[in-house]
Amino acid sequence: PISLLNADYKIFATIMSERLKIILNELIHSDQNGFLPARQLRNNTRIVLNVLEYYEAHPEKQAALIFLDAQKAFDNLSWQFLIQQVEIMGFGSKFKKMI
């Protein structure tokens, strides 16, 4: 797709993205693996396979797996909720104003 964002915004967004990468792994729960440094979605796939293999080897036990897909999650994002999370995570007021 054709990008209509100006160069200043792209540079600023890249700088912020690189800075956030340093701390995101500490702030975001280890079960969330998408789009984070040193985490990959295939880790979740391996966890699911391990669970399935375990219960296949132990038929006397029962399990239920639930898969959720946040389709178009950003289209439904509550900005009020996002700001609250930024505050809870301890980001300063300058960061809050930036977003």
PDB file of N, CA and C in Angstrom:
ATOM      1  N   PRO A   1       0.819  -1.204   0.000  1.00  0.00           N
ATOM      2  CA  PRO A   1       0.000   0.000   0.000  1.00  0.00           C
ATOM      3  C   PRO A   1       0.857   1.259   0.000  1.00  0.00           C
ATOM      4  N   ILE A   2       0.310   2.309  -0.512  1.00  0.00           N
ATOM      5  CA  ILE A   2       1.014   3.584  -0.554  1.00  0.00           C
ATOM      6  C   ILE A   2       0.945   4.230   0.823  1.00  0.00           C
ATOM      7  N   SER A   3       2.093   4.635   1.326  1.00  0.00           N
ATOM      8  CA  SER A   3       2.145   5.267   2.642  1.00  0.00           C
ATOM      9  C   SER A   3       2.050   6.780   2.492  1.00  0.00           C
ATOM     10  N   LEU A   4       1.125   7.376   3.228  1.00  0.00           N
ATOM     11  CA  LEU A   4       0.938   8.817   3.166  1.00  0.00           C
ATOM     12  C   LEU A   4       1.464   9.527   4.413  1.00  0.00           C
ATOM     13  N   LEU A   5       2.169   8.802   5.262  1.00  0.00           N
ATOM     14  CA  LEU A   5       2.707   9.401   6.482  1.00  0.00           C
ATOM     15  C   LEU A   5       3.954  10.213   6.151  1.00  0.00           C
ATOM     16  N   ASN A   6       4.118  11.348   6.812  1.00  0.00           N
ATOM     17  CA  ASN A   6       5.290  12.170   6.527  1.00  0.00           C
ATOM     18  C   ASN A   6       6.541  11.576   7.168  1.00  0.00           C
ATOM     19  N   ALA A   7       7.685  12.026   6.703  1.00  0.00           N
ATOM     20  CA  ALA A   7       8.966  11.467   7.151  1.00  0.00           C
ATOM     21  C   ALA A   7       9.218  11.729   8.631  1.00  0.00           C
ATOM     22  N   ASP A   8       8.829  12.905   9.128  1.00  0.00           N
ATOM     23  CA  ASP A   8       9.035  13.218  10.548  1.00  0.00           C
ATOM     24  C   ASP A   8       8.324  12.208  11.435  1.00  0.00           C
ATOM     25  N   TYR A   9       7.086  11.908  11.092  1.00  0.00           N
ATOM     26  CA  TYR A   9       6.312  10.943  11.877  1.00  0.00           C
ATOM     27  C   TYR A   9       6.974   9.570  11.832  1.00  0.00           C
ATOM     28  N   LYS A  10       7.419   9.157  10.657  1.00  0.00           N
ATOM     29  CA  LYS A  10       8.051   7.836  10.525  1.00  0.00           C
ATOM     30  C   LYS A  10       9.314   7.742  11.382  1.00  0.00           C
ATOM     31  N   ILE A  11      10.116   8.789  11.370  1.00  0.00           N
ATOM     32  CA  ILE A  11      11.340   8.794  12.178  1.00  0.00           C
ATOM     33  C   ILE A  11      10.993   8.733  13.662  1.00  0.00           C
ATOM     34  N   PHE A  12      10.044   9.561  14.084  1.00  0.00           N
ATOM     35  CA  PHE A  12       9.624   9.587  15.486  1.00  0.00           C
ATOM     36  C   PHE A  12       9.070   8.230  15.913  1.00  0.00           C
ATOM     37  N   ALA A  13       8.203   7.637  15.093  1.00  0.00           N
ATOM     38  CA  ALA A  13       7.602   6.341  15.421  1.00  0.00           C
ATOM     39  C   ALA A  13       8.668   5.253  15.516  1.00  0.00           C
ATOM     40  N   THR A  14       9.656   5.289  14.643  1.00  0.00           N
ATOM     41  CA  THR A  14      10.739   4.301  14.682  1.00  0.00           C
ATOM     42  C   THR A  14      11.560   4.451  15.959  1.00  0.00           C
ATOM     43  N   ILE A  15      11.869   5.675  16.338  1.00  0.00           N
ATOM     44  CA  ILE A  15      12.624   5.916  17.577  1.00  0.00           C
ATOM     45  C   ILE A  15      11.852   5.391  18.781  1.00  0.00           C
ATOM     46  N   MET A  16      10.558   5.706  18.857  1.00  0.00           N
ATOM     47  CA  MET A  16       9.744   5.247  19.985  1.00  0.00           C
ATOM     48  C   MET A  16       9.637   3.723  19.998  1.00  0.00           C
ATOM     49  N   SER A  17       9.475   3.137  18.834  1.00  0.00           N
ATOM     50  CA  SER A  17       9.374   1.683  18.741  1.00  0.00           C
ATOM     51  C   SER A  17      10.644   1.012  19.254  1.00  0.00           C
ATOM     52  N   GLU A  18      11.794   1.518  18.847  1.00  0.00           N
ATOM     53  CA  GLU A  18      13.066   0.942  19.286  1.00  0.00           C
ATOM     54  C   GLU A  18      13.257   1.101  20.791  1.00  0.00           C
ATOM     55  N   ARG A  19      12.854   2.224  21.339  1.00  0.00           N
ATOM     56  CA  ARG A  19      12.975   2.429  22.786  1.00  0.00           C
ATOM     57  C   ARG A  19      12.040   1.499  23.556  1.00  0.00           C
ATOM     58  N   LEU A  20      10.828   1.331  23.058  1.00  0.00           N
ATOM     59  CA  LEU A  20       9.867   0.467  23.748  1.00  0.00           C
ATOM     60  C   LEU A  20      10.290  -1.000  23.718  1.00  0.00           C
ATOM     61  N   LYS A  21      10.945  -1.421  22.646  1.00  0.00           N
ATOM     62  CA  LYS A  21      11.383  -2.814  22.544  1.00  0.00           C
ATOM     63  C   LYS A  21      12.257  -3.220  23.726  1.00  0.00           C
ATOM     64  N   ILE A  22      12.980  -2.266  24.277  1.00  0.00           N
ATOM     65  CA  ILE A  22      13.886  -2.549  25.391  1.00  0.00           C
ATOM     66  C   ILE A  22      13.124  -3.007  26.630  1.00  0.00           C
ATOM     67  N   ILE A  23      11.929  -2.473  26.863  1.00  0.00           N
ATOM     68  CA  ILE A  23      11.205  -2.760  28.107  1.00  0.00           C
ATOM     69  C   ILE A  23       9.939  -3.594  27.932  1.00  0.00           C
ATOM     70  N   LEU A  24       9.476  -3.790  26.703  1.00  0.00           N
ATOM     71  CA  LEU A  24       8.190  -4.473  26.512  1.00  0.00           C
ATOM     72  C   LEU A  24       8.175  -5.893  27.057  1.00  0.00           C
ATOM     73  N   ASN A  25       9.261  -6.635  26.915  1.00  0.00           N
ATOM     74  CA  ASN A  25       9.282  -8.014  27.413  1.00  0.00           C
ATOM     75  C   ASN A  25       9.070  -8.080  28.918  1.00  0.00           C
ATOM     76  N   GLU A  26       9.465  -7.028  29.629  1.00  0.00           N
ATOM     77  CA  GLU A  26       9.273  -6.998  31.081  1.00  0.00           C
ATOM     78  C   GLU A  26       7.846  -6.608  31.452  1.00  0.00           C
ATOM     79  N   LEU A  27       7.192  -5.825  30.610  1.00  0.00           N
ATOM     80  CA  LEU A  27       5.862  -5.302  30.931  1.00  0.00           C
ATOM     81  C   LEU A  27       4.718  -6.199  30.469  1.00  0.00           C
ATOM     82  N   ILE A  28       4.932  -6.948  29.403  1.00  0.00           N
ATOM     83  CA  ILE A  28       3.856  -7.743  28.811  1.00  0.00           C
ATOM     84  C   ILE A  28       3.999  -9.192  29.259  1.00  0.00           C
ATOM     85  N   HIS A  29       2.897  -9.792  29.650  1.00  0.00           N
ATOM     86  CA  HIS A  29       2.883 -11.160  30.180  1.00  0.00           C
ATOM     87  C   HIS A  29       3.559 -12.129  29.215  1.00  0.00           C
ATOM     88  N   SER A  30       4.231 -13.103  29.758  1.00  0.00           N
ATOM     89  CA  SER A  30       5.005 -14.052  28.948  1.00  0.00           C
ATOM     90  C   SER A  30       4.138 -14.898  28.022  1.00  0.00           C
ATOM     91  N   ASP A  31       2.834 -14.988  28.275  1.00  0.00           N
ATOM     92  CA  ASP A  31       1.952 -15.744  27.385  1.00  0.00           C
ATOM     93  C   ASP A  31       1.680 -15.007  26.076  1.00  0.00           C
ATOM     94  N   GLN A  32       1.959 -13.728  26.030  1.00  0.00           N
ATOM     95  CA  GLN A  32       1.749 -12.947  24.814  1.00  0.00           C
ATOM     96  C   GLN A  32       3.051 -12.913  24.029  1.00  0.00           C
ATOM     97  N   ASN A  33       3.033 -13.527  22.857  1.00  0.00           N
ATOM     98  CA  ASN A  33       4.270 -13.704  22.114  1.00  0.00           C
ATOM     99  C   ASN A  33       4.348 -12.959  20.797  1.00  0.00           C
ATOM    100  N   GLY A  34       3.283 -12.401  20.324  1.00  0.00           N
ATOM    101  CA  GLY A  34       3.317 -11.759  19.017  1.00  0.00           C
ATOM    102  C   GLY A  34       3.974 -10.393  19.038  1.00  0.00           C
ATOM    103  N   PHE A  35       4.825 -10.144  18.054  1.00  0.00           N
ATOM    104  CA  PHE A  35       5.394  -8.831  17.797  1.00  0.00           C
ATOM    105  C   PHE A  35       6.250  -8.288  18.943  1.00  0.00           C
ATOM    106  N   LEU A  36       6.895  -9.176  19.672  1.00  0.00           N
ATOM    107  CA  LEU A  36       7.785  -8.756  20.751  1.00  0.00           C
ATOM    108  C   LEU A  36       9.182  -9.324  20.505  1.00  0.00           C
ATOM    109  N   PRO A  37      10.214  -8.582  20.895  1.00  0.00           N
ATOM    110  CA  PRO A  37      11.575  -9.086  20.712  1.00  0.00           C
ATOM    111  C   PRO A  37      11.794 -10.391  21.477  1.00  0.00           C
ATOM    112  N   ALA A  38      12.454 -11.334  20.849  1.00  0.00           N
ATOM    113  CA  ALA A  38      12.819 -12.625  21.444  1.00  0.00           C
ATOM    114  C   ALA A  38      11.608 -13.498  21.776  1.00  0.00           C
ATOM    115  N   ARG A  39      10.448 -13.166  21.254  1.00  0.00           N
ATOM    116  CA  ARG A  39       9.261 -14.004  21.436  1.00  0.00           C
ATOM    117  C   ARG A  39       8.674 -14.294  20.060  1.00  0.00           C
ATOM    118  N   GLN A  40       8.175 -15.503  19.914  1.00  0.00           N
ATOM    119  CA  GLN A  40       7.620 -15.893  18.623  1.00  0.00           C
ATOM    120  C   GLN A  40       6.294 -16.603  18.828  1.00  0.00           C
ATOM    121  N   LEU A  41       5.399 -16.441  17.865  1.00  0.00           N
ATOM    122  CA  LEU A  41       4.087 -17.080  17.955  1.00  0.00           C
ATOM    123  C   LEU A  41       4.200 -18.601  18.001  1.00  0.00           C
ATOM    124  N   ARG A  42       5.253 -19.138  17.423  1.00  0.00           N
ATOM    125  CA  ARG A  42       5.391 -20.598  17.428  1.00  0.00           C
ATOM    126  C   ARG A  42       5.573 -21.148  18.848  1.00  0.00           C
ATOM    127  N   ASN A  43       5.989 -20.295  19.798  1.00  0.00           N
ATOM    128  CA  ASN A  43       6.067 -20.736  21.193  1.00  0.00           C
ATOM    129  C   ASN A  43       4.690 -21.160  21.693  1.00  0.00           C
ATOM    130  N   ASN A  44       3.666 -20.392  21.344  1.00  0.00           N
ATOM    131  CA  ASN A  44       2.305 -20.750  21.749  1.00  0.00           C
ATOM    132  C   ASN A  44       1.859 -22.044  21.086  1.00  0.00           C
ATOM    133  N   THR A  45       2.235 -22.224  19.832  1.00  0.00           N
ATOM    134  CA  THR A  45       1.898 -23.465  19.132  1.00  0.00           C
ATOM    135  C   THR A  45       2.528 -24.651  19.845  1.00  0.00           C
ATOM    136  N   ARG A  46       3.772 -24.506  20.269  1.00  0.00           N
ATOM    137  CA  ARG A  46       4.451 -25.593  20.982  1.00  0.00           C
ATOM    138  C   ARG A  46       3.762 -25.893  22.306  1.00  0.00           C
ATOM    139  N   ILE A  47       3.316 -24.873  23.009  1.00  0.00           N
ATOM    140  CA  ILE A  47       2.607 -25.079  24.276  1.00  0.00           C
ATOM    141  C   ILE A  47       1.330 -25.874  24.038  1.00  0.00           C
ATOM    142  N   VAL A  48       0.568 -25.512  23.011  1.00  0.00           N
ATOM    143  CA  VAL A  48      -0.671 -26.232  22.697  1.00  0.00           C
ATOM    144  C   VAL A  48      -0.360 -27.683  22.353  1.00  0.00           C
ATOM    145  N   LEU A  49       0.663 -27.915  21.558  1.00  0.00           N
ATOM    146  CA  LEU A  49       1.032 -29.293  21.210  1.00  0.00           C
ATOM    147  C   LEU A  49       1.457 -30.081  22.444  1.00  0.00           C
ATOM    148  N   ASN A  50       2.198 -29.463  23.350  1.00  0.00           N
ATOM    149  CA  ASN A  50       2.595 -30.137  24.592  1.00  0.00           C
ATOM    150  C   ASN A  50       1.377 -30.537  25.417  1.00  0.00           C
ATOM    151  N   VAL A  51       0.406 -29.633  25.518  1.00  0.00           N
ATOM    152  CA  VAL A  51      -0.817 -29.934  26.272  1.00  0.00           C
ATOM    153  C   VAL A  51      -1.566 -31.087  25.621  1.00  0.00           C
ATOM    154  N   LEU A  52      -1.719 -31.040  24.301  1.00  0.00           N
ATOM    155  CA  LEU A  52      -2.421 -32.118  23.594  1.00  0.00           C
ATOM    156  C   LEU A  52      -1.709 -33.457  23.770  1.00  0.00           C
ATOM    157  N   GLU A  53      -0.392 -33.459  23.672  1.00  0.00           N
ATOM    158  CA  GLU A  53       0.375 -34.692  23.845  1.00  0.00           C
ATOM    159  C   GLU A  53       0.244 -35.232  25.265  1.00  0.00           C
ATOM    160  N   TYR A  54       0.248 -34.335  26.245  1.00  0.00           N
ATOM    161  CA  TYR A  54       0.109 -34.761  27.632  1.00  0.00           C
ATOM    162  C   TYR A  54      -1.233 -35.459  27.850  1.00  0.00           C
ATOM    163  N   TYR A  55      -2.302 -34.837  27.394  1.00  0.00           N
ATOM    164  CA  TYR A  55      -3.627 -35.415  27.627  1.00  0.00           C
ATOM    165  C   TYR A  55      -3.884 -36.643  26.756  1.00  0.00           C
ATOM    166  N   GLU A  56      -3.199 -36.748  25.650  1.00  0.00           N
ATOM    167  CA  GLU A  56      -3.285 -37.972  24.851  1.00  0.00           C
ATOM    168  C   GLU A  56      -2.603 -39.123  25.596  1.00  0.00           C
ATOM    169  N   ALA A  57      -1.531 -38.828  26.310  1.00  0.00           N
ATOM    170  CA  ALA A  57      -0.812 -39.843  27.084  1.00  0.00           C
ATOM    171  C   ALA A  57      -1.507 -40.151  28.406  1.00  0.00           C
ATOM    172  N   HIS A  58      -2.414 -39.292  28.840  1.00  0.00           N
ATOM    173  CA  HIS A  58      -3.144 -39.473  30.097  1.00  0.00           C
ATOM    174  C   HIS A  58      -4.649 -39.383  29.839  1.00  0.00           C
ATOM    175  N   PRO A  59      -5.220 -40.403  29.209  1.00  0.00           N
ATOM    176  CA  PRO A  59      -6.641 -40.343  28.835  1.00  0.00           C
ATOM    177  C   PRO A  59      -7.599 -40.283  30.029  1.00  0.00           C
ATOM    178  N   GLU A  60      -7.114 -40.607  31.215  1.00  0.00           N
ATOM    179  CA  GLU A  60      -7.978 -40.540  32.399  1.00  0.00           C
ATOM    180  C   GLU A  60      -8.230 -39.091  32.832  1.00  0.00           C
ATOM    181  N   LYS A  61      -7.447 -38.176  32.305  1.00  0.00           N
ATOM    182  CA  LYS A  61      -7.615 -36.758  32.639  1.00  0.00           C
ATOM    183  C   LYS A  61      -8.362 -36.053  31.511  1.00  0.00           C
ATOM    184  N   GLN A  62      -9.030 -34.960  31.862  1.00  0.00           N
ATOM    185  CA  GLN A  62      -9.790 -34.210  30.866  1.00  0.00           C
ATOM    186  C   GLN A  62      -9.240 -32.792  30.745  1.00  0.00           C
ATOM    187  N   ALA A  63      -9.426 -32.247  29.575  1.00  0.00           N
ATOM    188  CA  ALA A  63      -8.975 -30.874  29.340  1.00  0.00           C
ATOM    189  C   ALA A  63      -9.884 -30.213  28.317  1.00  0.00           C
ATOM    190  N   ALA A  64      -9.892 -28.920  28.343  1.00  0.00           N
ATOM    191  CA  ALA A  64     -10.603 -28.134  27.335  1.00  0.00           C
ATOM    192  C   ALA A  64      -9.674 -27.011  26.891  1.00  0.00           C
ATOM    193  N   LEU A  65      -9.590 -26.815  25.613  1.00  0.00           N
ATOM    194  CA  LEU A  65      -8.779 -25.728  25.067  1.00  0.00           C
ATOM    195  C   LEU A  65      -9.708 -24.715  24.411  1.00  0.00           C
ATOM    196  N   ILE A  66      -9.451 -23.463  24.654  1.00  0.00           N
ATOM    197  CA  ILE A  66     -10.243 -22.389  24.065  1.00  0.00           C
ATOM    198  C   ILE A  66      -9.301 -21.508  23.253  1.00  0.00           C
ATOM    199  N   PHE A  67      -9.670 -21.261  22.022  1.00  0.00           N
ATOM    200  CA  PHE A  67      -8.878 -20.407  21.150  1.00  0.00           C
ATOM    201  C   PHE A  67      -9.673 -19.142  20.844  1.00  0.00           C
ATOM    202  N   LEU A  68      -9.053 -18.008  21.070  1.00  0.00           N
ATOM    203  CA  LEU A  68      -9.704 -16.723  20.828  1.00  0.00           C
ATOM    204  C   LEU A  68      -8.929 -15.956  19.763  1.00  0.00           C
ATOM    205  N   ASP A  69      -9.652 -15.259  18.937  1.00  0.00           N
ATOM    206  CA  ASP A  69      -9.032 -14.437  17.903  1.00  0.00           C
ATOM    207  C   ASP A  69      -9.593 -13.028  18.013  1.00  0.00           C
ATOM    208  N   ALA A  70      -8.735 -12.093  18.302  1.00  0.00           N
ATOM    209  CA  ALA A  70      -9.167 -10.703  18.432  1.00  0.00           C
ATOM    210  C   ALA A  70      -9.146 -10.048  17.049  1.00  0.00           C
ATOM    211  N   GLN A  71     -10.062 -10.482  16.207  1.00  0.00           N
ATOM    212  CA  GLN A  71     -10.120  -9.976  14.839  1.00  0.00           C
ATOM    213  C   GLN A  71     -10.375  -8.471  14.848  1.00  0.00           C
ATOM    214  N   LYS A  72      -9.569  -7.764  14.094  1.00  0.00           N
ATOM    215  CA  LYS A  72      -9.675  -6.306  14.005  1.00  0.00           C
ATOM    216  C   LYS A  72      -9.671  -5.657  15.388  1.00  0.00           C
ATOM    217  N   ALA A  73      -8.799  -6.131  16.239  1.00  0.00           N
ATOM    218  CA  ALA A  73      -8.758  -5.644  17.623  1.00  0.00           C
ATOM    219  C   ALA A  73      -8.527  -4.140  17.690  1.00  0.00           C
ATOM    220  N   PHE A  74      -7.687  -3.615  16.824  1.00  0.00           N
ATOM    221  CA  PHE A  74      -7.394  -2.186  16.890  1.00  0.00           C
ATOM    222  C   PHE A  74      -8.581  -1.337  16.463  1.00  0.00           C
ATOM    223  N   ASP A  75      -9.474  -1.896  15.640  1.00  0.00           N
ATOM    224  CA  ASP A  75     -10.684  -1.160  15.260  1.00  0.00           C
ATOM    225  C   ASP A  75     -11.605  -0.965  16.454  1.00  0.00           C
ATOM    226  N   ASN A  76     -11.482  -1.836  17.446  1.00  0.00           N
ATOM    227  CA  ASN A  76     -12.363  -1.804  18.607  1.00  0.00           C
ATOM    228  C   ASN A  76     -11.665  -1.307  19.869  1.00  0.00           C
ATOM    229  N   LEU A  77     -10.473  -0.775  19.727  1.00  0.00           N
ATOM    230  CA  LEU A  77      -9.680  -0.348  20.875  1.00  0.00           C
ATOM    231  C   LEU A  77     -10.330   0.828  21.592  1.00  0.00           C
ATOM    232  N   SER A  78     -10.449   0.702  22.889  1.00  0.00           N
ATOM    233  CA  SER A  78     -10.942   1.801  23.713  1.00  0.00           C
ATOM    234  C   SER A  78      -9.748   2.664  24.104  1.00  0.00           C
ATOM    235  N   TRP A  79      -9.740   3.904  23.654  1.00  0.00           N
ATOM    236  CA  TRP A  79      -8.627   4.791  23.966  1.00  0.00           C
ATOM    237  C   TRP A  79      -8.545   5.063  25.453  1.00  0.00           C
ATOM    238  N   GLN A  80      -9.678   5.126  26.120  1.00  0.00           N
ATOM    239  CA  GLN A  80      -9.685   5.337  27.573  1.00  0.00           C
ATOM    240  C   GLN A  80      -8.974   4.175  28.267  1.00  0.00           C
ATOM    241  N   PHE A  81      -9.259   2.946  27.828  1.00  0.00           N
ATOM    242  CA  PHE A  81      -8.608   1.764  28.393  1.00  0.00           C
ATOM    243  C   PHE A  81      -7.105   1.808  28.126  1.00  0.00           C
ATOM    244  N   LEU A  82      -6.717   2.187  26.911  1.00  0.00           N
ATOM    245  CA  LEU A  82      -5.300   2.262  26.560  1.00  0.00           C
ATOM    246  C   LEU A  82      -4.567   3.257  27.460  1.00  0.00           C
ATOM    247  N   ILE A  83      -5.146   4.411  27.663  1.00  0.00           N
ATOM    248  CA  ILE A  83      -4.528   5.423  28.522  1.00  0.00           C
ATOM    249  C   ILE A  83      -4.407   4.908  29.956  1.00  0.00           C
ATOM    250  N   GLN A  84      -5.424   4.204  30.439  1.00  0.00           N
ATOM    251  CA  GLN A  84      -5.367   3.636  31.789  1.00  0.00           C
ATOM    252  C   GLN A  84      -4.218   2.634  31.905  1.00  0.00           C
ATOM    253  N   GLN A  85      -4.043   1.802  30.885  1.00  0.00           N
ATOM    254  CA  GLN A  85      -2.964   0.818  30.910  1.00  0.00           C
ATOM    255  C   GLN A  85      -1.599   1.497  30.901  1.00  0.00           C
ATOM    256  N   VAL A  86      -1.467   2.555  30.128  1.00  0.00           N
ATOM    257  CA  VAL A  86      -0.211   3.311  30.085  1.00  0.00           C
ATOM    258  C   VAL A  86       0.100   3.868  31.473  1.00  0.00           C
ATOM    259  N   GLU A  87      -0.920   4.367  32.156  1.00  0.00           N
ATOM    260  CA  GLU A  87      -0.727   4.892  33.512  1.00  0.00           C
ATOM    261  C   GLU A  87      -0.363   3.777  34.482  1.00  0.00           C
ATOM    262  N   ILE A  88      -1.050   2.636  34.397  1.00  0.00           N
ATOM    263  CA  ILE A  88      -0.784   1.500  35.286  1.00  0.00           C
ATOM    264  C   ILE A  88       0.642   0.988  35.098  1.00  0.00           C
ATOM    265  N   MET A  89       1.122   0.991  33.858  1.00  0.00           N
ATOM    266  CA  MET A  89       2.465   0.498  33.569  1.00  0.00           C
ATOM    267  C   MET A  89       3.548   1.488  33.982  1.00  0.00           C
ATOM    268  N   GLY A  90       3.145   2.672  34.413  1.00  0.00           N
ATOM    269  CA  GLY A  90       4.110   3.621  34.945  1.00  0.00           C
ATOM    270  C   GLY A  90       4.780   4.528  33.927  1.00  0.00           C
ATOM    271  N   PHE A  91       4.217   4.626  32.731  1.00  0.00           N
ATOM    272  CA  PHE A  91       4.769   5.560  31.758  1.00  0.00           C
ATOM    273  C   PHE A  91       4.410   6.975  32.196  1.00  0.00           C
ATOM    274  N   GLY A  92       5.263   7.912  31.906  1.00  0.00           N
ATOM    275  CA  GLY A  92       5.058   9.290  32.336  1.00  0.00           C
ATOM    276  C   GLY A  92       4.022  10.033  31.511  1.00  0.00           C
ATOM    277  N   SER A  93       3.724  11.243  31.953  1.00  0.00           N
ATOM    278  CA  SER A  93       2.706  12.056  31.285  1.00  0.00           C
ATOM    279  C   SER A  93       3.144  12.469  29.878  1.00  0.00           C
ATOM    280  N   LYS A  94       4.446  12.642  29.657  1.00  0.00           N
ATOM    281  CA  LYS A  94       4.926  12.995  28.313  1.00  0.00           C
ATOM    282  C   LYS A  94       4.627  11.873  27.324  1.00  0.00           C
ATOM    283  N   PHE A  95       4.835  10.634  27.767  1.00  0.00           N
ATOM    284  CA  PHE A  95       4.542   9.497  26.896  1.00  0.00           C
ATOM    285  C   PHE A  95       3.045   9.429  26.617  1.00  0.00           C
ATOM    286  N   LYS A  96       2.261   9.645  27.643  1.00  0.00           N
ATOM    287  CA  LYS A  96       0.801   9.608  27.491  1.00  0.00           C
ATOM    288  C   LYS A  96       0.343  10.663  26.484  1.00  0.00           C
ATOM    289  N   LYS A  97       0.898  11.852  26.557  1.00  0.00           N
ATOM    290  CA  LYS A  97       0.537  12.909  25.609  1.00  0.00           C
ATOM    291  C   LYS A  97       0.964  12.547  24.192  1.00  0.00           C
ATOM    292  N   MET A  98       2.084  11.842  24.075  1.00  0.00           N
ATOM    293  CA  MET A  98       2.593  11.481  22.762  1.00  0.00           C
ATOM    294  C   MET A  98       1.630  10.566  22.008  1.00  0.00           C
ATOM    295  N   ILE A  99       1.015   9.630  22.731  1.00  0.00           N
ATOM    296  CA  ILE A  99       0.121   8.709  22.038  1.00  0.00           C
ATOM    297  C   ILE A  99      -1.231   9.347  21.810  1.00  0.00           C
TER     298      ILE A  99
END
